[in-house]
Amino acid sequence: MKFKLLVLTSVLATLLASVFASSACLFAAYQPEEPKCLRD
């Protein structure tokens, strides 16, 4: 019983980590357009 709980916890933690990692990568890849007043 203890082993099954450990496996379930590790699987859920892995899935949660992959969701957070993929959303962080999408957020970091977003490149907004530079305003005209800041261009050289």
N, C-alpha and C. Protein backbone atom coordinates (compact mmCIF):
# COMPACT_ATOMS: atom_id res chain seq x y z
N MET A 1 0.82 -1.19 0.00
CA MET A 1 0.00 0.00 0.00
C MET A 1 0.87 1.26 0.00
N LYS A 2 1.91 1.27 0.81
CA LYS A 2 2.79 2.42 0.88
C LYS A 2 3.52 2.64 -0.45
N PHE A 3 3.89 1.53 -1.10
CA PHE A 3 4.58 1.62 -2.38
C PHE A 3 3.67 2.20 -3.45
N LYS A 4 2.40 1.81 -3.48
CA LYS A 4 1.46 2.33 -4.47
C LYS A 4 1.25 3.83 -4.28
N LEU A 5 1.19 4.27 -3.03
CA LEU A 5 1.03 5.70 -2.76
C LEU A 5 2.26 6.48 -3.23
N LEU A 6 3.42 5.91 -3.03
CA LEU A 6 4.66 6.55 -3.48
C LEU A 6 4.70 6.66 -5.00
N VAL A 7 4.30 5.59 -5.68
CA VAL A 7 4.29 5.60 -7.14
C VAL A 7 3.28 6.62 -7.66
N LEU A 8 2.11 6.65 -7.07
CA LEU A 8 1.08 7.60 -7.49
C LEU A 8 1.55 9.05 -7.28
N THR A 9 2.17 9.31 -6.17
CA THR A 9 2.68 10.65 -5.89
C THR A 9 3.76 11.05 -6.88
N SER A 10 4.65 10.14 -7.20
CA SER A 10 5.72 10.47 -8.15
C SER A 10 5.18 10.68 -9.56
N VAL A 11 4.18 9.92 -9.95
CA VAL A 11 3.58 10.11 -11.28
C VAL A 11 2.88 11.46 -11.36
N LEU A 12 2.13 11.81 -10.33
CA LEU A 12 1.44 13.10 -10.33
C LEU A 12 2.44 14.27 -10.31
N ALA A 13 3.50 14.13 -9.56
CA ALA A 13 4.52 15.18 -9.51
C ALA A 13 5.21 15.35 -10.86
N THR A 14 5.45 14.24 -11.54
CA THR A 14 6.08 14.30 -12.86
C THR A 14 5.16 14.97 -13.87
N LEU A 15 3.89 14.62 -13.85
CA LEU A 15 2.95 15.25 -14.77
C LEU A 15 2.80 16.74 -14.50
N LEU A 16 2.73 17.10 -13.24
CA LEU A 16 2.61 18.50 -12.87
C LEU A 16 3.85 19.28 -13.29
N ALA A 17 5.02 18.70 -13.11
CA ALA A 17 6.26 19.37 -13.51
C ALA A 17 6.33 19.56 -15.02
N SER A 18 5.87 18.58 -15.79
CA SER A 18 5.91 18.72 -17.24
C SER A 18 4.93 19.78 -17.72
N VAL A 19 3.79 19.91 -17.06
CA VAL A 19 2.83 20.95 -17.43
C VAL A 19 3.41 22.33 -17.14
N PHE A 20 4.02 22.50 -15.96
CA PHE A 20 4.61 23.78 -15.61
C PHE A 20 5.79 24.11 -16.53
N ALA A 21 6.58 23.13 -16.88
CA ALA A 21 7.73 23.37 -17.75
C ALA A 21 7.29 23.79 -19.15
N SER A 22 6.27 23.13 -19.68
CA SER A 22 5.82 23.48 -21.03
C SER A 22 5.17 24.86 -21.05
N SER A 23 4.42 25.21 -20.01
CA SER A 23 3.80 26.54 -19.99
C SER A 23 4.87 27.62 -19.79
N ALA A 24 5.91 27.34 -19.03
CA ALA A 24 6.99 28.31 -18.84
C ALA A 24 7.74 28.52 -20.15
N CYS A 25 7.94 27.47 -20.91
CA CYS A 25 8.63 27.61 -22.19
C CYS A 25 7.81 28.44 -23.17
N LEU A 26 6.50 28.23 -23.17
CA LEU A 26 5.65 29.02 -24.06
C LEU A 26 5.66 30.49 -23.64
N PHE A 27 5.65 30.74 -22.34
CA PHE A 27 5.66 32.12 -21.85
C PHE A 27 6.99 32.80 -22.19
N ALA A 28 8.09 32.09 -22.06
CA ALA A 28 9.40 32.67 -22.33
C ALA A 28 9.62 32.89 -23.82
N ALA A 29 8.95 32.12 -24.66
CA ALA A 29 9.11 32.26 -26.10
C ALA A 29 8.32 33.44 -26.66
N TYR A 30 7.40 33.97 -25.88
CA TYR A 30 6.60 35.10 -26.34
C TYR A 30 7.47 36.34 -26.47
N GLN A 31 7.49 36.95 -27.63
CA GLN A 31 8.32 38.13 -27.88
C GLN A 31 7.40 39.26 -28.34
N PRO A 32 7.06 40.20 -27.46
CA PRO A 32 6.17 41.29 -27.88
C PRO A 32 6.87 42.25 -28.85
N GLU A 33 6.09 42.97 -29.60
CA GLU A 33 6.65 43.92 -30.56
C GLU A 33 7.20 45.15 -29.81
N GLU A 34 8.35 45.62 -30.25
CA GLU A 34 8.99 46.76 -29.61
C GLU A 34 8.26 48.05 -30.00
N PRO A 35 7.94 48.90 -29.03
CA PRO A 35 7.27 50.17 -29.36
C PRO A 35 8.15 51.05 -30.23
N LYS A 36 7.50 51.86 -31.07
CA LYS A 36 8.25 52.73 -32.00
C LYS A 36 9.12 53.74 -31.27
N CYS A 37 8.67 54.23 -30.10
CA CYS A 37 9.44 55.25 -29.38
C CYS A 37 10.73 54.69 -28.78
N LEU A 38 10.86 53.35 -28.67
CA LEU A 38 12.07 52.76 -28.11
C LEU A 38 13.05 52.30 -29.16
N ARG A 39 12.65 52.34 -30.42
CA ARG A 39 13.54 51.88 -31.49
C ARG A 39 14.59 52.93 -31.78
N ASP A 40 15.77 52.48 -32.21
CA ASP A 40 16.87 53.40 -32.57
C ASP A 40 16.89 53.64 -34.05
